[in-house]
N, C-alpha and C. Protein backbone atom coordinates (compact mmCIF):
# COMPACT_ATOMS: atom_id res chain seq x y z
N MET A 1 -30.17 -10.38 -30.10
CA MET A 1 -30.91 -11.34 -30.91
C MET A 1 -29.97 -12.22 -31.73
N SER A 2 -28.71 -11.79 -31.91
CA SER A 2 -27.81 -12.58 -32.75
C SER A 2 -27.58 -13.97 -32.17
N ASP A 3 -27.76 -14.14 -30.85
CA ASP A 3 -27.61 -15.47 -30.27
C ASP A 3 -28.83 -16.35 -30.58
N ARG A 4 -29.83 -15.80 -31.23
CA ARG A 4 -31.01 -16.55 -31.62
C ARG A 4 -30.99 -16.93 -33.10
N ILE A 5 -29.87 -16.69 -33.75
CA ILE A 5 -29.69 -17.11 -35.14
C ILE A 5 -28.41 -17.92 -35.19
N VAL A 6 -28.54 -19.21 -35.48
CA VAL A 6 -27.37 -20.08 -35.55
C VAL A 6 -27.31 -20.69 -36.94
N SER A 7 -26.08 -20.92 -37.40
CA SER A 7 -25.94 -21.52 -38.72
C SER A 7 -24.68 -22.36 -38.78
N ALA A 8 -24.61 -23.15 -39.84
CA ALA A 8 -23.45 -23.97 -40.13
C ALA A 8 -23.29 -24.03 -41.64
N THR A 9 -22.05 -24.11 -42.10
CA THR A 9 -21.75 -24.13 -43.53
C THR A 9 -20.70 -25.19 -43.81
N ARG A 10 -20.89 -25.87 -44.94
CA ARG A 10 -19.93 -26.90 -45.38
C ARG A 10 -20.04 -27.07 -46.89
N ASP A 11 -18.92 -27.40 -47.50
CA ASP A 11 -18.93 -27.78 -48.91
C ASP A 11 -19.26 -29.26 -49.01
N ILE A 12 -20.16 -29.59 -49.93
CA ILE A 12 -20.56 -30.97 -50.18
C ILE A 12 -20.19 -31.30 -51.62
N ALA A 13 -19.60 -32.48 -51.82
CA ALA A 13 -19.16 -32.91 -53.15
C ALA A 13 -20.31 -33.52 -53.94
N ALA A 14 -21.32 -32.70 -54.17
CA ALA A 14 -22.49 -33.11 -54.96
C ALA A 14 -23.10 -31.85 -55.57
N PRO A 15 -23.77 -31.99 -56.72
CA PRO A 15 -24.40 -30.81 -57.34
C PRO A 15 -25.55 -30.25 -56.50
N ALA A 16 -25.77 -28.95 -56.62
CA ALA A 16 -26.83 -28.29 -55.86
C ALA A 16 -28.19 -28.92 -56.12
N ASP A 17 -28.48 -29.29 -57.37
CA ASP A 17 -29.79 -29.86 -57.68
C ASP A 17 -30.04 -31.16 -56.93
N THR A 18 -29.01 -31.99 -56.80
CA THR A 18 -29.14 -33.26 -56.06
C THR A 18 -29.42 -32.99 -54.60
N ILE A 19 -28.69 -32.07 -54.01
CA ILE A 19 -28.86 -31.73 -52.59
C ILE A 19 -30.23 -31.12 -52.37
N PHE A 20 -30.62 -30.21 -53.26
CA PHE A 20 -31.90 -29.52 -53.10
C PHE A 20 -33.07 -30.50 -53.12
N GLU A 21 -33.00 -31.52 -53.95
CA GLU A 21 -34.08 -32.52 -54.00
C GLU A 21 -34.25 -33.22 -52.66
N LEU A 22 -33.16 -33.47 -51.96
CA LEU A 22 -33.24 -34.11 -50.65
C LEU A 22 -33.91 -33.21 -49.61
N ILE A 23 -33.72 -31.90 -49.77
CA ILE A 23 -34.30 -30.94 -48.83
C ILE A 23 -35.75 -30.63 -49.19
N ALA A 24 -36.02 -30.42 -50.48
CA ALA A 24 -37.35 -29.97 -50.92
C ALA A 24 -38.40 -31.08 -50.93
N ASP A 25 -37.97 -32.33 -50.76
CA ASP A 25 -38.91 -33.45 -50.67
C ASP A 25 -38.99 -33.88 -49.21
N PRO A 26 -40.04 -33.47 -48.50
CA PRO A 26 -40.13 -33.77 -47.07
C PRO A 26 -40.02 -35.25 -46.72
N ALA A 27 -40.44 -36.13 -47.62
CA ALA A 27 -40.36 -37.57 -47.35
C ALA A 27 -38.91 -38.02 -47.19
N ARG A 28 -37.96 -37.25 -47.73
CA ARG A 28 -36.53 -37.59 -47.63
C ARG A 28 -35.87 -36.99 -46.39
N GLN A 29 -36.50 -35.99 -45.78
CA GLN A 29 -35.86 -35.27 -44.68
C GLN A 29 -35.48 -36.13 -43.47
N PRO A 30 -36.28 -37.11 -43.05
CA PRO A 30 -35.86 -37.91 -41.90
C PRO A 30 -34.53 -38.65 -42.12
N GLU A 31 -34.14 -38.88 -43.37
CA GLU A 31 -32.87 -39.55 -43.68
C GLU A 31 -31.67 -38.75 -43.19
N TRP A 32 -31.77 -37.44 -43.24
CA TRP A 32 -30.60 -36.63 -42.94
C TRP A 32 -30.77 -35.67 -41.76
N ASP A 33 -31.88 -35.73 -41.08
CA ASP A 33 -32.13 -34.83 -39.94
C ASP A 33 -31.14 -35.10 -38.81
N GLY A 34 -30.24 -34.17 -38.57
CA GLY A 34 -29.25 -34.31 -37.52
C GLY A 34 -29.77 -34.04 -36.12
N ASN A 35 -30.99 -33.51 -36.02
CA ASN A 35 -31.60 -33.26 -34.71
C ASN A 35 -32.40 -34.46 -34.22
N ASP A 36 -32.52 -35.48 -35.08
CA ASP A 36 -33.35 -36.65 -34.75
C ASP A 36 -34.73 -36.24 -34.27
N ASN A 37 -35.31 -35.27 -34.96
CA ASN A 37 -36.61 -34.72 -34.60
C ASN A 37 -37.70 -35.14 -35.57
N LEU A 38 -37.31 -35.61 -36.76
CA LEU A 38 -38.29 -35.89 -37.81
C LEU A 38 -38.48 -37.40 -37.96
N ALA A 39 -39.74 -37.83 -37.90
CA ALA A 39 -40.03 -39.26 -38.01
C ALA A 39 -40.44 -39.64 -39.43
N ILE A 40 -41.44 -38.93 -39.97
CA ILE A 40 -41.96 -39.33 -41.28
C ILE A 40 -42.76 -38.18 -41.90
N ALA A 41 -42.75 -38.17 -43.22
CA ALA A 41 -43.60 -37.25 -43.99
C ALA A 41 -44.16 -38.06 -45.15
N ALA A 42 -45.41 -37.85 -45.45
CA ALA A 42 -46.03 -38.56 -46.57
C ALA A 42 -45.34 -38.18 -47.88
N PRO A 43 -45.20 -39.13 -48.79
CA PRO A 43 -44.65 -38.80 -50.10
C PRO A 43 -45.60 -37.88 -50.87
N GLY A 44 -45.06 -37.23 -51.90
CA GLY A 44 -45.88 -36.39 -52.76
C GLY A 44 -46.04 -34.96 -52.27
N GLN A 45 -45.19 -34.51 -51.34
CA GLN A 45 -45.29 -33.15 -50.81
C GLN A 45 -44.13 -32.26 -51.28
N ARG A 46 -43.46 -32.62 -52.34
CA ARG A 46 -42.30 -31.87 -52.82
C ARG A 46 -42.66 -30.38 -52.92
N VAL A 47 -41.82 -29.56 -52.37
CA VAL A 47 -42.05 -28.12 -52.31
C VAL A 47 -41.67 -27.48 -53.65
N HIS A 48 -42.50 -26.50 -54.10
CA HIS A 48 -42.26 -25.82 -55.37
C HIS A 48 -42.31 -24.30 -55.29
N ALA A 49 -42.85 -23.73 -54.18
CA ALA A 49 -43.03 -22.28 -54.16
C ALA A 49 -43.31 -21.77 -52.74
N VAL A 50 -43.08 -20.48 -52.56
CA VAL A 50 -43.51 -19.82 -51.34
C VAL A 50 -45.02 -20.01 -51.22
N GLY A 51 -45.48 -20.31 -50.03
CA GLY A 51 -46.90 -20.55 -49.79
C GLY A 51 -47.24 -22.02 -49.70
N ASP A 52 -46.37 -22.91 -50.24
CA ASP A 52 -46.59 -24.34 -50.07
C ASP A 52 -46.51 -24.70 -48.59
N VAL A 53 -47.20 -25.76 -48.22
CA VAL A 53 -47.17 -26.27 -46.84
C VAL A 53 -46.96 -27.77 -46.91
N PHE A 54 -45.99 -28.26 -46.14
CA PHE A 54 -45.83 -29.71 -46.04
C PHE A 54 -46.00 -30.13 -44.59
N ARG A 55 -46.51 -31.34 -44.41
CA ARG A 55 -46.77 -31.86 -43.07
C ARG A 55 -45.75 -32.94 -42.73
N MET A 56 -45.20 -32.83 -41.53
CA MET A 56 -44.19 -33.74 -41.03
C MET A 56 -44.64 -34.24 -39.66
N THR A 57 -44.37 -35.51 -39.38
CA THR A 57 -44.61 -36.05 -38.05
C THR A 57 -43.27 -36.12 -37.33
N THR A 58 -43.22 -35.58 -36.11
CA THR A 58 -41.98 -35.57 -35.34
C THR A 58 -41.78 -36.92 -34.66
N THR A 59 -40.58 -37.11 -34.13
CA THR A 59 -40.28 -38.34 -33.39
C THR A 59 -41.11 -38.44 -32.11
N GLN A 60 -41.70 -37.33 -31.69
CA GLN A 60 -42.59 -37.33 -30.53
C GLN A 60 -44.04 -37.61 -30.93
N GLY A 61 -44.26 -37.89 -32.23
CA GLY A 61 -45.59 -38.22 -32.71
C GLY A 61 -46.50 -37.05 -32.97
N LYS A 62 -45.94 -35.85 -33.02
CA LYS A 62 -46.75 -34.65 -33.27
C LYS A 62 -46.65 -34.24 -34.73
N ASP A 63 -47.79 -33.92 -35.33
CA ASP A 63 -47.80 -33.42 -36.70
C ASP A 63 -47.50 -31.93 -36.70
N ARG A 64 -46.67 -31.52 -37.67
CA ARG A 64 -46.31 -30.11 -37.84
C ARG A 64 -46.54 -29.72 -39.28
N ASP A 65 -47.17 -28.56 -39.47
CA ASP A 65 -47.27 -27.97 -40.80
C ASP A 65 -46.09 -27.03 -40.96
N ASN A 66 -45.43 -27.12 -42.09
CA ASN A 66 -44.25 -26.30 -42.37
C ASN A 66 -44.57 -25.40 -43.55
N HIS A 67 -44.61 -24.11 -43.28
CA HIS A 67 -45.04 -23.10 -44.23
C HIS A 67 -43.83 -22.52 -44.96
N ILE A 68 -43.77 -22.69 -46.27
CA ILE A 68 -42.63 -22.21 -47.05
C ILE A 68 -42.73 -20.69 -47.16
N VAL A 69 -41.67 -20.01 -46.69
CA VAL A 69 -41.65 -18.55 -46.70
C VAL A 69 -40.56 -17.97 -47.60
N GLU A 70 -39.61 -18.82 -48.04
CA GLU A 70 -38.59 -18.42 -49.00
C GLU A 70 -38.39 -19.60 -49.94
N PHE A 71 -38.25 -19.32 -51.23
CA PHE A 71 -38.03 -20.41 -52.17
C PHE A 71 -37.39 -19.90 -53.44
N GLU A 72 -36.28 -20.52 -53.81
CA GLU A 72 -35.67 -20.34 -55.11
C GLU A 72 -35.18 -21.73 -55.52
N GLU A 73 -35.78 -22.30 -56.55
CA GLU A 73 -35.48 -23.67 -56.97
C GLU A 73 -33.98 -23.91 -57.07
N GLY A 74 -33.52 -24.95 -56.38
CA GLY A 74 -32.13 -25.34 -56.42
C GLY A 74 -31.18 -24.50 -55.60
N ARG A 75 -31.67 -23.43 -54.97
CA ARG A 75 -30.77 -22.50 -54.27
C ARG A 75 -31.16 -22.18 -52.83
N ARG A 76 -32.46 -21.98 -52.57
CA ARG A 76 -32.85 -21.53 -51.23
C ARG A 76 -34.25 -22.04 -50.92
N ILE A 77 -34.39 -22.47 -49.65
CA ILE A 77 -35.69 -22.88 -49.16
C ILE A 77 -35.72 -22.59 -47.66
N ALA A 78 -36.83 -22.03 -47.20
CA ALA A 78 -36.98 -21.77 -45.76
C ALA A 78 -38.44 -21.98 -45.39
N TRP A 79 -38.64 -22.49 -44.17
CA TRP A 79 -40.01 -22.71 -43.70
C TRP A 79 -40.14 -22.38 -42.22
N LYS A 80 -41.38 -22.08 -41.87
CA LYS A 80 -41.75 -21.83 -40.48
C LYS A 80 -42.73 -22.92 -40.06
N PRO A 81 -42.35 -23.71 -39.06
CA PRO A 81 -43.25 -24.77 -38.60
C PRO A 81 -44.32 -24.25 -37.64
N SER A 82 -45.39 -25.01 -37.57
CA SER A 82 -46.44 -24.72 -36.59
C SER A 82 -47.19 -26.02 -36.31
N ALA A 83 -47.85 -26.06 -35.17
CA ALA A 83 -48.77 -27.16 -34.91
C ALA A 83 -49.89 -27.06 -35.94
N VAL A 84 -50.46 -28.18 -36.32
CA VAL A 84 -51.51 -28.19 -37.33
C VAL A 84 -52.67 -27.28 -36.89
N GLY A 85 -53.02 -26.34 -37.76
CA GLY A 85 -54.14 -25.43 -37.48
C GLY A 85 -53.83 -24.32 -36.50
N GLU A 86 -52.58 -24.23 -36.07
CA GLU A 86 -52.19 -23.20 -35.09
C GLU A 86 -51.34 -22.12 -35.77
N PRO A 87 -51.27 -20.94 -35.16
CA PRO A 87 -50.40 -19.89 -35.72
C PRO A 87 -48.93 -20.32 -35.64
N GLN A 88 -48.12 -19.79 -36.53
CA GLN A 88 -46.69 -20.06 -36.51
C GLN A 88 -46.07 -19.34 -35.31
N PRO A 89 -45.31 -20.06 -34.47
CA PRO A 89 -44.73 -19.41 -33.30
C PRO A 89 -43.55 -18.50 -33.61
N GLY A 90 -43.02 -18.55 -34.85
CA GLY A 90 -42.02 -17.56 -35.23
C GLY A 90 -40.61 -18.06 -35.50
N HIS A 91 -40.35 -19.35 -35.41
CA HIS A 91 -39.00 -19.80 -35.73
C HIS A 91 -38.93 -20.27 -37.18
N LEU A 92 -37.71 -20.27 -37.74
CA LEU A 92 -37.53 -20.51 -39.16
C LEU A 92 -36.31 -21.40 -39.39
N TRP A 93 -36.45 -22.32 -40.35
CA TRP A 93 -35.36 -23.18 -40.81
C TRP A 93 -35.05 -22.78 -42.25
N ARG A 94 -33.77 -22.54 -42.56
CA ARG A 94 -33.39 -22.10 -43.91
C ARG A 94 -32.21 -22.95 -44.41
N TRP A 95 -32.27 -23.25 -45.72
CA TRP A 95 -31.18 -23.91 -46.43
C TRP A 95 -30.80 -23.04 -47.61
N GLU A 96 -29.49 -22.77 -47.77
CA GLU A 96 -28.99 -22.00 -48.90
C GLU A 96 -27.89 -22.82 -49.58
N LEU A 97 -27.98 -22.94 -50.90
CA LEU A 97 -27.03 -23.73 -51.68
C LEU A 97 -26.38 -22.84 -52.74
N VAL A 98 -25.05 -22.87 -52.79
CA VAL A 98 -24.29 -22.10 -53.77
C VAL A 98 -23.35 -23.07 -54.48
N PRO A 99 -23.56 -23.26 -55.79
CA PRO A 99 -22.68 -24.16 -56.54
C PRO A 99 -21.23 -23.66 -56.52
N ASN A 100 -20.31 -24.62 -56.38
CA ASN A 100 -18.88 -24.32 -56.44
C ASN A 100 -18.37 -24.60 -57.86
N ASP A 101 -17.22 -24.03 -58.20
CA ASP A 101 -16.62 -24.24 -59.52
C ASP A 101 -16.25 -25.70 -59.77
N ASP A 102 -16.04 -26.48 -58.70
CA ASP A 102 -15.62 -27.88 -58.84
C ASP A 102 -16.79 -28.85 -58.99
N GLY A 103 -18.00 -28.33 -59.10
CA GLY A 103 -19.17 -29.20 -59.25
C GLY A 103 -19.84 -29.52 -57.93
N GLY A 104 -19.21 -29.16 -56.84
CA GLY A 104 -19.80 -29.34 -55.51
C GLY A 104 -20.66 -28.15 -55.14
N THR A 105 -21.06 -28.11 -53.88
CA THR A 105 -21.99 -27.08 -53.42
C THR A 105 -21.64 -26.63 -52.01
N ARG A 106 -21.63 -25.33 -51.79
CA ARG A 106 -21.51 -24.79 -50.43
C ARG A 106 -22.92 -24.73 -49.86
N VAL A 107 -23.13 -25.41 -48.73
CA VAL A 107 -24.45 -25.52 -48.11
C VAL A 107 -24.42 -24.80 -46.76
N THR A 108 -25.38 -23.90 -46.57
CA THR A 108 -25.54 -23.22 -45.28
C THR A 108 -26.92 -23.54 -44.74
N HIS A 109 -26.93 -24.00 -43.49
CA HIS A 109 -28.18 -24.33 -42.80
C HIS A 109 -28.31 -23.37 -41.62
N THR A 110 -29.45 -22.70 -41.51
CA THR A 110 -29.67 -21.69 -40.48
C THR A 110 -30.95 -21.99 -39.71
N TYR A 111 -30.87 -21.82 -38.40
CA TYR A 111 -32.06 -21.86 -37.55
C TYR A 111 -32.17 -20.48 -36.91
N ASP A 112 -33.29 -19.81 -37.16
CA ASP A 112 -33.51 -18.44 -36.71
C ASP A 112 -34.73 -18.42 -35.80
N TRP A 113 -34.48 -18.18 -34.52
CA TRP A 113 -35.60 -18.10 -33.59
C TRP A 113 -35.71 -16.71 -32.96
N SER A 114 -35.21 -15.71 -33.71
CA SER A 114 -35.25 -14.33 -33.22
C SER A 114 -36.68 -13.80 -33.13
N GLN A 115 -37.61 -14.39 -33.88
CA GLN A 115 -39.01 -13.95 -33.83
C GLN A 115 -39.90 -14.91 -33.05
N LEU A 116 -39.30 -15.90 -32.39
CA LEU A 116 -40.07 -16.88 -31.63
C LEU A 116 -40.76 -16.20 -30.45
N THR A 117 -42.06 -16.41 -30.35
CA THR A 117 -42.84 -15.74 -29.31
C THR A 117 -43.28 -16.67 -28.19
N ASP A 118 -43.24 -17.97 -28.42
CA ASP A 118 -43.69 -18.95 -27.43
C ASP A 118 -42.53 -19.31 -26.50
N GLU A 119 -42.53 -18.71 -25.30
CA GLU A 119 -41.43 -18.92 -24.37
C GLU A 119 -41.27 -20.38 -23.97
N ALA A 120 -42.32 -21.17 -24.06
CA ALA A 120 -42.23 -22.60 -23.75
C ALA A 120 -41.31 -23.32 -24.74
N ARG A 121 -41.05 -22.71 -25.88
CA ARG A 121 -40.17 -23.31 -26.90
C ARG A 121 -38.73 -22.83 -26.80
N PHE A 122 -38.44 -21.89 -25.93
CA PHE A 122 -37.10 -21.31 -25.87
C PHE A 122 -36.03 -22.34 -25.53
N GLN A 123 -36.30 -23.21 -24.57
CA GLN A 123 -35.28 -24.19 -24.17
C GLN A 123 -34.92 -25.10 -25.35
N ARG A 124 -35.92 -25.58 -26.06
CA ARG A 124 -35.67 -26.43 -27.22
C ARG A 124 -34.93 -25.63 -28.31
N ALA A 125 -35.28 -24.37 -28.49
CA ALA A 125 -34.61 -23.53 -29.48
C ALA A 125 -33.13 -23.37 -29.13
N GLN A 126 -32.83 -23.15 -27.86
CA GLN A 126 -31.44 -23.00 -27.43
C GLN A 126 -30.65 -24.29 -27.65
N TRP A 127 -31.33 -25.42 -27.63
CA TRP A 127 -30.71 -26.73 -27.83
C TRP A 127 -30.22 -26.89 -29.26
N THR A 128 -30.81 -26.14 -30.18
CA THR A 128 -30.45 -26.23 -31.60
C THR A 128 -29.24 -25.33 -31.84
N THR A 129 -28.06 -25.95 -31.79
CA THR A 129 -26.79 -25.25 -31.93
C THR A 129 -26.23 -25.42 -33.35
N SER A 130 -25.19 -24.67 -33.66
CA SER A 130 -24.55 -24.82 -34.96
C SER A 130 -23.99 -26.23 -35.13
N GLU A 131 -23.57 -26.86 -34.04
CA GLU A 131 -23.08 -28.24 -34.11
C GLU A 131 -24.20 -29.19 -34.53
N ARG A 132 -25.38 -28.99 -34.02
CA ARG A 132 -26.51 -29.84 -34.41
C ARG A 132 -26.91 -29.58 -35.88
N LEU A 133 -26.84 -28.32 -36.29
CA LEU A 133 -27.11 -28.00 -37.69
C LEU A 133 -26.06 -28.67 -38.59
N MET A 134 -24.81 -28.67 -38.15
CA MET A 134 -23.76 -29.33 -38.93
C MET A 134 -24.03 -30.83 -39.01
N GLY A 135 -24.62 -31.40 -37.98
CA GLY A 135 -25.00 -32.81 -38.02
C GLY A 135 -25.94 -33.09 -39.18
N SER A 136 -26.90 -32.19 -39.39
CA SER A 136 -27.81 -32.35 -40.53
C SER A 136 -27.06 -32.21 -41.85
N ILE A 137 -26.16 -31.23 -41.94
CA ILE A 137 -25.40 -31.04 -43.18
C ILE A 137 -24.55 -32.28 -43.45
N ASP A 138 -23.91 -32.81 -42.42
CA ASP A 138 -23.07 -34.00 -42.61
C ASP A 138 -23.87 -35.18 -43.10
N ARG A 139 -25.05 -35.40 -42.53
CA ARG A 139 -25.90 -36.50 -42.97
C ARG A 139 -26.45 -36.24 -44.38
N LEU A 140 -26.76 -34.98 -44.67
CA LEU A 140 -27.20 -34.61 -46.01
C LEU A 140 -26.07 -34.89 -47.03
N ALA A 141 -24.84 -34.58 -46.65
CA ALA A 141 -23.70 -34.84 -47.52
C ALA A 141 -23.59 -36.33 -47.83
N THR A 142 -23.73 -37.16 -46.83
CA THR A 142 -23.66 -38.61 -47.04
C THR A 142 -24.73 -39.08 -48.02
N ALA A 143 -25.93 -38.56 -47.84
CA ALA A 143 -27.04 -38.94 -48.74
C ALA A 143 -26.81 -38.42 -50.15
N ALA A 144 -26.35 -37.19 -50.28
CA ALA A 144 -26.18 -36.58 -51.61
C ALA A 144 -24.98 -37.16 -52.35
N GLU A 145 -23.90 -37.40 -51.64
CA GLU A 145 -22.70 -37.90 -52.28
C GLU A 145 -22.85 -39.36 -52.70
N GLY A 146 -23.84 -40.05 -52.13
CA GLY A 146 -24.11 -41.43 -52.49
C GLY A 146 -24.91 -41.57 -53.77
N HIS A 147 -25.40 -40.46 -54.31
CA HIS A 147 -26.22 -40.50 -55.54
C HIS A 147 -25.35 -40.41 -56.77
């Protein structure tokens, strides 16, 4: 199952709170999505707690509900996507932020599909590599460091 959990880590020269705002506000996510999978999310869906759900439209025009399953303000956020009104198929996206002594932040992005049950999604899941996750971190860094 370890091949079904991929991650990437990088230090970003921006405070954790700045970076976290870009992640926790779904309307900002298409700016830094390295998978080019996210098209748009309505404003006003900023995540605040486990149990929150935000809706995102993919570049393929499909709406996805993203169920927050882990949340610590400024430090950790994770969600499980699903088709609107459908059960969650079991994959998870996680962001972890650890402030550095220099005012920057160590950012780890993880995609975990070890609990994915829909075999039709396996090929797409395998496509999500640590390099693609790093693409999101790199774009997130550009957005955060510009603030």
